[in-house]
Amino acid sequence: MTLNRLDKDIFSTLSDLDGIVGLYFEDLNSGKKITINADLEFSAASTIKIPLVTLLFKKAQKGEINLNEKVIIDESNRVGGSGIIKELDSDYTPTIIDLAKLAIVLSDNVATNQLIDIVGGADEVTNFCNDMNLKSTRLQRKMMDFESLKAGKDNYTTPSDMGYLLKLLANDEFKSEDVSKGVINIMKRQQLNQKLPYLIPALEPDDPNIDSNTIDQGTVVVAHKTGELDRVQHDVGVFLLPNGHKYILAIYTKNLSTDSEGIKAIANLSKVVYDCMVETVNGLN
């Protein structure tokens, strides 16, 4: 399979899925792109945590935030849903960098809500997204804030917005390793791995080679972030192949018949793209 045939294989993989899909793929070496409903807005779910943590690192790089500062969790931020802080003693005082890791690696909602306060609130995140030309990405409520959701306030993004942000991070276009590598290195440690990495030979998040500059043949490092709501399944990531080859894949879904079908479709799509990229890269070497 070549990149010229990838479009057909993607559509074939999606043919039996009952739901709406948005997709953004880009080979960062060749510039080849494939998009499906890339500018369609989706509820961002937990993928909104990527721009949040990116903003956090930018503020830290400017000296506005000390990532090693310990934080007392505000009681208003202690919510349910995904994460581990809700299960810990209320005296637990993580550092800000710990909160960032928890928000991405375990999709911790308490950590995320506290980080929203630390960076200056939801509007600050939305303004950052606008400044980064992510025009359809906005944070309007904290995690598990169902009252705001009932009032019509949700968090939104598009596959193209998130793909563009991932491209900026992957190509170090923030001009600061503290930002780009800081966010990517946390995303490499994602522990919710039943979607993008599931059917491909991705290194496990605790593999000692995950931060190596050299990636072994036959393996791939996936720096990614999932998102899920009822009948909504997302996963977006940067894929690092041997010999410096990289690609972006952002998949969003909604109106699914079942969540399990969405999860399976994302995993299958990821495998189709990975197999094509490996074949293409091997043909170049």
C-alpha atoms as a PDB file:
ATOM      1  CA  MET A   1       0.000   0.000   0.000  1.00  0.00           C
ATOM      2  CA  THR A   2       1.216   3.531  -0.788  1.00  0.00           C
ATOM      3  CA  LEU A   3       0.059   6.896   0.481  1.00  0.00           C
ATOM      4  CA  ASN A   4      -1.819   7.342  -2.809  1.00  0.00           C
ATOM      5  CA  ARG A   5      -3.991   4.345  -1.897  1.00  0.00           C
ATOM      6  CA  LEU A   6      -4.409   5.211   1.757  1.00  0.00           C
ATOM      7  CA  ASP A   7      -7.529   7.322   1.170  1.00  0.00           C
ATOM      8  CA  LYS A   8      -9.366   4.332  -0.265  1.00  0.00           C
ATOM      9  CA  ASP A   9      -8.287   2.018   2.553  1.00  0.00           C
ATOM     10  CA  ILE A  10      -9.392   4.514   5.197  1.00  0.00           C
ATOM     11  CA  PHE A  11     -12.855   4.857   3.674  1.00  0.00           C
ATOM     12  CA  SER A  12     -13.091   1.081   3.336  1.00  0.00           C
ATOM     13  CA  THR A  13     -12.261   0.660   7.030  1.00  0.00           C
ATOM     14  CA  LEU A  14     -14.958   3.171   7.963  1.00  0.00           C
ATOM     15  CA  SER A  15     -17.641   1.742   5.680  1.00  0.00           C
ATOM     16  CA  ASP A  16     -19.399  -0.295   8.372  1.00  0.00           C
ATOM     17  CA  LEU A  17     -19.177   2.237  11.202  1.00  0.00           C
ATOM     18  CA  ASP A  18     -22.511   3.670  12.319  1.00  0.00           C
ATOM     19  CA  GLY A  19     -21.680   7.219  13.349  1.00  0.00           C
ATOM     20  CA  ILE A  20     -19.931  10.417  12.291  1.00  0.00           C
ATOM     21  CA  VAL A  21     -16.145  10.458  11.904  1.00  0.00           C
ATOM     22  CA  GLY A  22     -13.659  13.291  11.600  1.00  0.00           C
ATOM     23  CA  LEU A  23     -10.073  12.534  10.653  1.00  0.00           C
ATOM     24  CA  TYR A  24      -6.854  14.435  10.123  1.00  0.00           C
ATOM     25  CA  PHE A  25      -3.748  12.617   8.895  1.00  0.00           C
ATOM     26  CA  GLU A  26      -0.456  14.226   7.923  1.00  0.00           C
ATOM     27  CA  ASP A  27       2.888  12.685   7.028  1.00  0.00           C
ATOM     28  CA  LEU A  28       5.210  15.295   8.520  1.00  0.00           C
ATOM     29  CA  ASN A  29       8.082  14.274   6.249  1.00  0.00           C
ATOM     30  CA  SER A  30       6.298  14.450   2.901  1.00  0.00           C
ATOM     31  CA  GLY A  31       3.478  16.838   3.785  1.00  0.00           C
ATOM     32  CA  LYS A  32       0.850  14.383   2.461  1.00  0.00           C
ATOM     33  CA  LYS A  33      -2.534  14.964   4.132  1.00  0.00           C
ATOM     34  CA  ILE A  34      -5.809  13.071   4.263  1.00  0.00           C
ATOM     35  CA  THR A  35      -8.851  14.643   5.901  1.00  0.00           C
ATOM     36  CA  ILE A  36     -12.447  13.646   6.558  1.00  0.00           C
ATOM     37  CA  ASN A  37     -14.815  16.203   8.123  1.00  0.00           C
ATOM     38  CA  ALA A  38     -11.643  17.870   9.388  1.00  0.00           C
ATOM     39  CA  ASP A  39     -13.357  21.192  10.105  1.00  0.00           C
ATOM     40  CA  LEU A  40     -16.450  19.662  11.701  1.00  0.00           C
ATOM     41  CA  GLU A  41     -16.790  20.550  15.382  1.00  0.00           C
ATOM     42  CA  PHE A  42     -16.806  17.730  17.909  1.00  0.00           C
ATOM     43  CA  SER A  43     -17.195  17.789  21.661  1.00  0.00           C
ATOM     44  CA  ALA A  44     -13.501  17.744  22.599  1.00  0.00           C
ATOM     45  CA  ALA A  45     -13.913  15.506  25.662  1.00  0.00           C
ATOM     46  CA  SER A  46     -10.502  14.935  27.247  1.00  0.00           C
ATOM     47  CA  THR A  47      -8.504  15.900  24.153  1.00  0.00           C
ATOM     48  CA  ILE A  48      -9.002  19.497  25.339  1.00  0.00           C
ATOM     49  CA  LYS A  49      -6.361  18.651  27.945  1.00  0.00           C
ATOM     50  CA  ILE A  50      -3.635  18.900  25.280  1.00  0.00           C
ATOM     51  CA  PRO A  51      -3.973  22.669  24.668  1.00  0.00           C
ATOM     52  CA  LEU A  52      -4.467  23.151  28.422  1.00  0.00           C
ATOM     53  CA  VAL A  53      -1.169  21.457  29.259  1.00  0.00           C
ATOM     54  CA  THR A  54       0.577  23.162  26.329  1.00  0.00           C
ATOM     55  CA  LEU A  55      -0.485  26.549  27.714  1.00  0.00           C
ATOM     56  CA  LEU A  56       0.756  25.487  31.143  1.00  0.00           C
ATOM     57  CA  PHE A  57       4.205  24.702  29.715  1.00  0.00           C
ATOM     58  CA  LYS A  58       4.293  27.991  27.804  1.00  0.00           C
ATOM     59  CA  LYS A  59       3.547  29.923  30.981  1.00  0.00           C
ATOM     60  CA  ALA A  60       6.212  27.934  32.820  1.00  0.00           C
ATOM     61  CA  GLN A  61       8.731  28.655  30.065  1.00  0.00           C
ATOM     62  CA  LYS A  62       8.005  32.382  30.485  1.00  0.00           C
ATOM     63  CA  GLY A  63       8.546  32.115  34.240  1.00  0.00           C
ATOM     64  CA  GLU A  64       4.895  32.756  35.086  1.00  0.00           C
ATOM     65  CA  ILE A  65       4.378  29.311  36.652  1.00  0.00           C
ATOM     66  CA  ASN A  66       6.722  27.090  38.677  1.00  0.00           C
ATOM     67  CA  LEU A  67       6.053  23.507  37.634  1.00  0.00           C
ATOM     68  CA  ASN A  68       7.644  22.198  40.828  1.00  0.00           C
ATOM     69  CA  GLU A  69       5.357  24.187  43.125  1.00  0.00           C
ATOM     70  CA  LYS A  70       3.118  22.065  45.346  1.00  0.00           C
ATOM     71  CA  VAL A  71      -0.602  22.656  45.108  1.00  0.00           C
ATOM     72  CA  ILE A  72      -3.493  22.231  47.528  1.00  0.00           C
ATOM     73  CA  ILE A  73      -6.444  20.838  45.566  1.00  0.00           C
ATOM     74  CA  ASP A  74      -9.480  23.094  45.773  1.00  0.00           C
ATOM     75  CA  GLU A  75     -12.509  21.165  47.000  1.00  0.00           C
ATOM     76  CA  SER A  76     -14.597  22.533  44.133  1.00  0.00           C
ATOM     77  CA  ASN A  77     -12.270  20.752  41.708  1.00  0.00           C
ATOM     78  CA  ARG A  78     -12.750  17.326  43.276  1.00  0.00           C
ATOM     79  CA  VAL A  79     -15.056  15.650  40.776  1.00  0.00           C
ATOM     80  CA  GLY A  80     -15.755  12.138  39.569  1.00  0.00           C
ATOM     81  CA  GLY A  81     -15.029  10.499  36.262  1.00  0.00           C
ATOM     82  CA  SER A  82     -11.571   9.420  35.144  1.00  0.00           C
ATOM     83  CA  GLY A  83      -8.460   9.763  37.270  1.00  0.00           C
ATOM     84  CA  ILE A  84      -6.915   8.778  40.577  1.00  0.00           C
ATOM     85  CA  ILE A  85      -6.773  11.921  42.734  1.00  0.00           C
ATOM     86  CA  LYS A  86     -10.416  11.423  43.732  1.00  0.00           C
ATOM     87  CA  GLU A  87      -9.328   8.155  45.399  1.00  0.00           C
ATOM     88  CA  LEU A  88      -6.447   9.711  47.367  1.00  0.00           C
ATOM     89  CA  ASP A  89      -6.309  11.393  50.753  1.00  0.00           C
ATOM     90  CA  SER A  90      -7.468  15.013  50.683  1.00  0.00           C
ATOM     91  CA  ASP A  91      -4.102  16.039  52.175  1.00  0.00           C
ATOM     92  CA  TYR A  92      -2.317  14.937  48.981  1.00  0.00           C
ATOM     93  CA  THR A  93      -0.453  17.960  47.594  1.00  0.00           C
ATOM     94  CA  PRO A  94       0.925  17.257  44.109  1.00  0.00           C
ATOM     95  CA  THR A  95       3.284  19.518  42.219  1.00  0.00           C
ATOM     96  CA  ILE A  96       1.969  21.332  39.164  1.00  0.00           C
ATOM     97  CA  ILE A  97       3.996  19.058  36.885  1.00  0.00           C
ATOM     98  CA  ASP A  98       2.405  16.073  38.629  1.00  0.00           C
ATOM     99  CA  LEU A  99      -1.019  17.509  37.833  1.00  0.00           C
ATOM    100  CA  ALA A 100      -0.039  17.868  34.167  1.00  0.00           C
ATOM    101  CA  LYS A 101       1.112  14.251  34.032  1.00  0.00           C
ATOM    102  CA  LEU A 102      -2.050  13.024  35.729  1.00  0.00           C
ATOM    103  CA  ALA A 103      -4.278  15.065  33.397  1.00  0.00           C
ATOM    104  CA  ILE A 104      -2.718  13.454  30.321  1.00  0.00           C
ATOM    105  CA  VAL A 105      -1.500  10.000  31.397  1.00  0.00           C
ATOM    106  CA  LEU A 106      -4.597   9.027  33.415  1.00  0.00           C
ATOM    107  CA  SER A 107      -6.939  11.725  32.073  1.00  0.00           C
ATOM    108  CA  ASP A 108      -7.462  12.827  35.677  1.00  0.00           C
ATOM    109  CA  ASN A 109     -10.410  15.232  35.887  1.00  0.00           C
ATOM    110  CA  VAL A 110      -9.470  16.655  39.304  1.00  0.00           C
ATOM    111  CA  ALA A 111      -5.963  17.458  38.056  1.00  0.00           C
ATOM    112  CA  THR A 112      -7.428  19.023  34.931  1.00  0.00           C
ATOM    113  CA  ASN A 113      -9.815  21.263  36.848  1.00  0.00           C
ATOM    114  CA  GLN A 114      -7.019  22.454  39.114  1.00  0.00           C
ATOM    115  CA  LEU A 115      -4.812  23.182  36.091  1.00  0.00           C
ATOM    116  CA  ILE A 116      -7.574  25.290  34.539  1.00  0.00           C
ATOM    117  CA  ASP A 117      -7.448  27.501  37.631  1.00  0.00           C
ATOM    118  CA  ILE A 118      -3.640  27.575  37.611  1.00  0.00           C
ATOM    119  CA  VAL A 119      -3.379  28.832  34.012  1.00  0.00           C
ATOM    120  CA  GLY A 120      -5.965  31.551  34.636  1.00  0.00           C
ATOM    121  CA  GLY A 121      -9.314  29.990  33.769  1.00  0.00           C
ATOM    122  CA  ALA A 122     -11.182  28.577  30.792  1.00  0.00           C
ATOM    123  CA  ASP A 123     -11.131  31.830  28.810  1.00  0.00           C
ATOM    124  CA  GLU A 124      -7.343  31.915  29.071  1.00  0.00           C
ATOM    125  CA  VAL A 125      -7.178  28.494  27.394  1.00  0.00           C
ATOM    126  CA  THR A 126      -9.585  29.569  24.644  1.00  0.00           C
ATOM    127  CA  ASN A 127      -7.588  32.763  24.040  1.00  0.00           C
ATOM    128  CA  PHE A 128      -4.407  30.703  23.776  1.00  0.00           C
ATOM    129  CA  CYS A 129      -6.102  28.467  21.209  1.00  0.00           C
ATOM    130  CA  ASN A 130      -7.140  31.523  19.196  1.00  0.00           C
ATOM    131  CA  ASP A 131      -3.592  32.868  19.334  1.00  0.00           C
ATOM    132  CA  MET A 132      -2.334  29.509  18.017  1.00  0.00           C
ATOM    133  CA  ASN A 133      -4.855  29.730  15.123  1.00  0.00           C
ATOM    134  CA  LEU A 134      -7.016  26.963  16.599  1.00  0.00           C
ATOM    135  CA  LYS A 135     -10.128  28.921  15.754  1.00  0.00           C
ATOM    136  CA  SER A 136     -12.668  26.207  16.552  1.00  0.00           C
ATOM    137  CA  THR A 137     -11.129  25.035  19.829  1.00  0.00           C
ATOM    138  CA  ARG A 138     -12.580  26.441  23.014  1.00  0.00           C
ATOM    139  CA  LEU A 139     -12.760  25.509  26.675  1.00  0.00           C
ATOM    140  CA  GLN A 140     -16.053  26.612  28.204  1.00  0.00           C
ATOM    141  CA  ARG A 141     -16.466  24.356  31.221  1.00  0.00           C
ATOM    142  CA  LYS A 142     -14.500  22.266  33.681  1.00  0.00           C
ATOM    143  CA  MET A 143     -14.579  18.491  33.673  1.00  0.00           C
ATOM    144  CA  MET A 144     -17.820  16.933  34.955  1.00  0.00           C
ATOM    145  CA  ASP A 145     -19.559  20.326  35.087  1.00  0.00           C
ATOM    146  CA  PHE A 146     -22.924  19.049  33.949  1.00  0.00           C
ATOM    147  CA  GLU A 147     -24.778  22.240  34.892  1.00  0.00           C
ATOM    148  CA  SER A 148     -22.738  24.208  32.361  1.00  0.00           C
ATOM    149  CA  LEU A 149     -23.290  21.437  29.838  1.00  0.00           C
ATOM    150  CA  LYS A 150     -27.061  21.663  30.330  1.00  0.00           C
ATOM    151  CA  ALA A 151     -26.747  25.412  29.762  1.00  0.00           C
ATOM    152  CA  GLY A 152     -25.162  24.740  26.380  1.00  0.00           C
ATOM    153  CA  LYS A 153     -21.519  25.258  27.366  1.00  0.00           C
ATOM    154  CA  ASP A 154     -19.263  22.482  26.154  1.00  0.00           C
ATOM    155  CA  ASN A 155     -15.630  22.147  25.072  1.00  0.00           C
ATOM    156  CA  TYR A 156     -15.116  21.922  21.325  1.00  0.00           C
ATOM    157  CA  THR A 157     -12.442  21.276  18.748  1.00  0.00           C
ATOM    158  CA  THR A 158     -11.985  19.954  15.216  1.00  0.00           C
ATOM    159  CA  PRO A 159      -9.678  17.273  13.814  1.00  0.00           C
ATOM    160  CA  SER A 160      -7.785  19.922  11.830  1.00  0.00           C
ATOM    161  CA  ASP A 161      -7.302  22.140  14.897  1.00  0.00           C
ATOM    162  CA  MET A 162      -5.950  19.298  16.990  1.00  0.00           C
ATOM    163  CA  GLY A 163      -3.859  17.969  14.128  1.00  0.00           C
ATOM    164  CA  TYR A 164      -2.315  21.402  13.686  1.00  0.00           C
ATOM    165  CA  LEU A 165      -1.491  21.707  17.391  1.00  0.00           C
ATOM    166  CA  LEU A 166       0.108  18.253  17.372  1.00  0.00           C
ATOM    167  CA  LYS A 167       2.135  19.276  14.323  1.00  0.00           C
ATOM    168  CA  LEU A 168       3.404  22.369  16.143  1.00  0.00           C
ATOM    169  CA  LEU A 169       4.455  20.203  19.073  1.00  0.00           C
ATOM    170  CA  ALA A 170       6.002  17.442  16.952  1.00  0.00           C
ATOM    171  CA  ASN A 171       8.038  19.895  14.865  1.00  0.00           C
ATOM    172  CA  ASP A 172       9.074  22.010  17.875  1.00  0.00           C
ATOM    173  CA  GLU A 173       7.474  25.081  16.311  1.00  0.00           C
ATOM    174  CA  PHE A 174       6.979  26.620  19.739  1.00  0.00           C
ATOM    175  CA  LYS A 175      10.735  27.298  19.551  1.00  0.00           C
ATOM    176  CA  SER A 176      11.155  25.892  23.017  1.00  0.00           C
ATOM    177  CA  GLU A 177      12.073  22.321  23.880  1.00  0.00           C
ATOM    178  CA  ASP A 178      10.608  22.964  27.322  1.00  0.00           C
ATOM    179  CA  VAL A 179       7.183  23.287  25.690  1.00  0.00           C
ATOM    180  CA  SER A 180       7.297  20.886  22.751  1.00  0.00           C
ATOM    181  CA  LYS A 181       9.247  18.053  24.338  1.00  0.00           C
ATOM    182  CA  GLY A 182       7.598  18.613  27.704  1.00  0.00           C
ATOM    183  CA  VAL A 183       4.116  17.979  26.318  1.00  0.00           C
ATOM    184  CA  ILE A 184       5.131  15.199  23.913  1.00  0.00           C
ATOM    185  CA  ASN A 185       7.101  13.331  26.587  1.00  0.00           C
ATOM    186  CA  ILE A 186       4.061  13.271  28.867  1.00  0.00           C
ATOM    187  CA  MET A 187       1.814  12.104  26.025  1.00  0.00           C
ATOM    188  CA  LYS A 188       4.208   9.204  25.342  1.00  0.00           C
ATOM    189  CA  ARG A 189       3.278   7.848  28.776  1.00  0.00           C
ATOM    190  CA  GLN A 190      -0.447   7.617  28.080  1.00  0.00           C
ATOM    191  CA  GLN A 191      -1.889   4.576  29.829  1.00  0.00           C
ATOM    192  CA  LEU A 192      -5.264   4.473  28.061  1.00  0.00           C
ATOM    193  CA  ASN A 193      -4.085   2.526  25.042  1.00  0.00           C
ATOM    194  CA  GLN A 194      -7.021   0.645  23.511  1.00  0.00           C
ATOM    195  CA  LYS A 195      -7.354   2.906  20.478  1.00  0.00           C
ATOM    196  CA  LEU A 196      -4.514   4.372  18.377  1.00  0.00           C
ATOM    197  CA  PRO A 197      -1.674   2.137  19.689  1.00  0.00           C
ATOM    198  CA  TYR A 198      -3.695  -1.034  20.236  1.00  0.00           C
ATOM    199  CA  LEU A 199      -3.088  -2.956  17.003  1.00  0.00           C
ATOM    200  CA  ILE A 200       0.379  -1.648  16.141  1.00  0.00           C
ATOM    201  CA  PRO A 201       3.809  -2.413  17.698  1.00  0.00           C
ATOM    202  CA  ALA A 202       3.831   0.669  19.928  1.00  0.00           C
ATOM    203  CA  LEU A 203       6.308   0.801  22.800  1.00  0.00           C
ATOM    204  CA  GLU A 204       4.674   0.498  26.194  1.00  0.00           C
ATOM    205  CA  PRO A 205       4.642   3.722  28.259  1.00  0.00           C
ATOM    206  CA  ASP A 206       7.114   2.236  30.772  1.00  0.00           C
ATOM    207  CA  ASP A 207       9.545   1.000  28.095  1.00  0.00           C
ATOM    208  CA  PRO A 208      13.006   2.488  28.849  1.00  0.00           C
ATOM    209  CA  ASN A 209      13.500   3.181  25.115  1.00  0.00           C
ATOM    210  CA  ILE A 210      10.468   5.430  24.807  1.00  0.00           C
ATOM    211  CA  ASP A 211      12.575   8.601  25.094  1.00  0.00           C
ATOM    212  CA  SER A 212      15.458   7.334  22.969  1.00  0.00           C
ATOM    213  CA  ASN A 213      16.476   9.381  19.937  1.00  0.00           C
ATOM    214  CA  THR A 214      16.748   6.096  18.040  1.00  0.00           C
ATOM    215  CA  ILE A 215      13.609   4.043  17.468  1.00  0.00           C
ATOM    216  CA  ASP A 216      14.174   0.388  16.592  1.00  0.00           C
ATOM    217  CA  GLN A 217      12.892  -1.014  13.314  1.00  0.00           C
ATOM    218  CA  GLY A 218       9.512  -2.657  13.689  1.00  0.00           C
ATOM    219  CA  THR A 219       8.422  -0.402  16.544  1.00  0.00           C
ATOM    220  CA  VAL A 220       6.693   2.946  16.900  1.00  0.00           C
ATOM    221  CA  VAL A 221       6.325   5.474  19.714  1.00  0.00           C
ATOM    222  CA  VAL A 222       2.833   6.943  20.046  1.00  0.00           C
ATOM    223  CA  ALA A 223       2.396  10.187  21.990  1.00  0.00           C
ATOM    224  CA  HIS A 224      -1.362  10.516  22.260  1.00  0.00           C
ATOM    225  CA  LYS A 225      -4.433  11.569  24.202  1.00  0.00           C
ATOM    226  CA  THR A 226      -7.817   9.902  24.267  1.00  0.00           C
ATOM    227  CA  GLY A 227     -11.262  11.328  24.825  1.00  0.00           C
ATOM    228  CA  GLU A 228     -14.604   9.684  25.430  1.00  0.00           C
ATOM    229  CA  LEU A 229     -18.191  10.508  26.300  1.00  0.00           C
ATOM    230  CA  ASP A 230     -21.415   8.584  25.724  1.00  0.00           C
ATOM    231  CA  ARG A 231     -21.337   7.391  22.073  1.00  0.00           C
ATOM    232  CA  VAL A 232     -18.257   9.549  21.530  1.00  0.00           C
ATOM    233  CA  GLN A 233     -14.735   8.157  21.111  1.00  0.00           C
ATOM    234  CA  HIS A 234     -11.589  10.118  20.176  1.00  0.00           C
ATOM    235  CA  ASP A 235      -7.856   9.578  20.036  1.00  0.00           C
ATOM    236  CA  VAL A 236      -5.223  11.953  18.677  1.00  0.00           C
ATOM    237  CA  GLY A 237      -1.483  11.525  18.528  1.00  0.00           C
ATOM    238  CA  VAL A 238       2.004  11.937  17.135  1.00  0.00           C
ATOM    239  CA  PHE A 239       3.595   8.764  15.751  1.00  0.00           C
ATOM    240  CA  LEU A 240       7.391   8.488  15.827  1.00  0.00           C
ATOM    241  CA  LEU A 241       8.891   5.929  13.429  1.00  0.00           C
ATOM    242  CA  PRO A 242      12.513   4.848  12.902  1.00  0.00           C
ATOM    243  CA  ASN A 243      14.909   7.202  11.075  1.00  0.00           C
ATOM    244  CA  GLY A 244      13.094  10.364  12.122  1.00  0.00           C
ATOM    245  CA  HIS A 245       9.836   9.774  10.262  1.00  0.00           C
ATOM    246  CA  LYS A 246       6.756  11.218  11.947  1.00  0.00           C
ATOM    247  CA  TYR A 247       3.066  11.463  11.263  1.00  0.00           C
ATOM    248  CA  ILE A 248      -0.049  12.913  12.889  1.00  0.00           C
ATOM    249  CA  LEU A 249      -3.365  11.113  13.252  1.00  0.00           C
ATOM    250  CA  ALA A 250      -6.389  12.685  14.916  1.00  0.00           C
ATOM    251  CA  ILE A 251      -9.650  10.722  14.906  1.00  0.00           C
ATOM    252  CA  TYR A 252     -12.929  12.069  16.310  1.00  0.00           C
ATOM    253  CA  THR A 253     -16.321  10.368  16.381  1.00  0.00           C
ATOM    254  CA  LYS A 254     -19.851  11.097  17.534  1.00  0.00           C
ATOM    255  CA  ASN A 255     -23.372   9.648  17.273  1.00  0.00           C
ATOM    256  CA  LEU A 256     -21.947   6.140  17.506  1.00  0.00           C
ATOM    257  CA  SER A 257     -24.263   3.173  17.765  1.00  0.00           C
ATOM    258  CA  THR A 258     -21.967   1.763  20.475  1.00  0.00           C
ATOM    259  CA  ASP A 259     -18.762   2.966  22.104  1.00  0.00           C
ATOM    260  CA  SER A 260     -17.099  -0.396  21.467  1.00  0.00           C
ATOM    261  CA  GLU A 261     -17.575   0.020  17.719  1.00  0.00           C
ATOM    262  CA  GLY A 262     -15.950   3.452  17.871  1.00  0.00           C
ATOM    263  CA  ILE A 263     -12.988   2.111  19.826  1.00  0.00           C
ATOM    264  CA  LYS A 264     -12.546  -0.731  17.347  1.00  0.00           C
ATOM    265  CA  ALA A 265     -12.775   1.613  14.360  1.00  0.00           C
ATOM    266  CA  ILE A 266     -10.078   3.927  15.735  1.00  0.00           C
ATOM    267  CA  ALA A 267      -7.753   0.986  16.371  1.00  0.00           C
ATOM    268  CA  ASN A 268      -8.356  -0.411  12.895  1.00  0.00           C
ATOM    269  CA  LEU A 269      -7.849   2.967  11.232  1.00  0.00           C
ATOM    270  CA  SER A 270      -4.609   3.434  13.116  1.00  0.00           C
ATOM    271  CA  LYS A 271      -3.339   0.077  11.894  1.00  0.00           C
ATOM    272  CA  VAL A 272      -4.232   0.873   8.281  1.00  0.00           C
ATOM    273  CA  VAL A 273      -2.322   4.163   8.495  1.00  0.00           C
ATOM    274  CA  TYR A 274       0.641   2.611  10.315  1.00  0.00           C
ATOM    275  CA  ASP A 275       0.998  -0.244   7.820  1.00  0.00           C
ATOM    276  CA  CYS A 276       0.915   2.219   4.943  1.00  0.00           C
ATOM    277  CA  MET A 277       3.483   4.508   6.561  1.00  0.00           C
ATOM    278  CA  VAL A 278       5.877   1.634   7.277  1.00  0.00           C
ATOM    279  CA  GLU A 279       5.608   0.456   3.676  1.00  0.00           C
ATOM    280  CA  THR A 280       6.134   3.993   2.394  1.00  0.00           C
ATOM    281  CA  VAL A 281       9.100   4.698   4.657  1.00  0.00           C
ATOM    282  CA  ASN A 282      10.741   1.371   3.828  1.00  0.00           C
ATOM    283  CA  GLY A 283      10.387   2.229   0.162  1.00  0.00           C
ATOM    284  CA  LEU A 284      12.291   5.455   0.727  1.00  0.00           C
ATOM    285  CA  ASN A 285      15.205   3.848   2.598  1.00  0.00           C
END
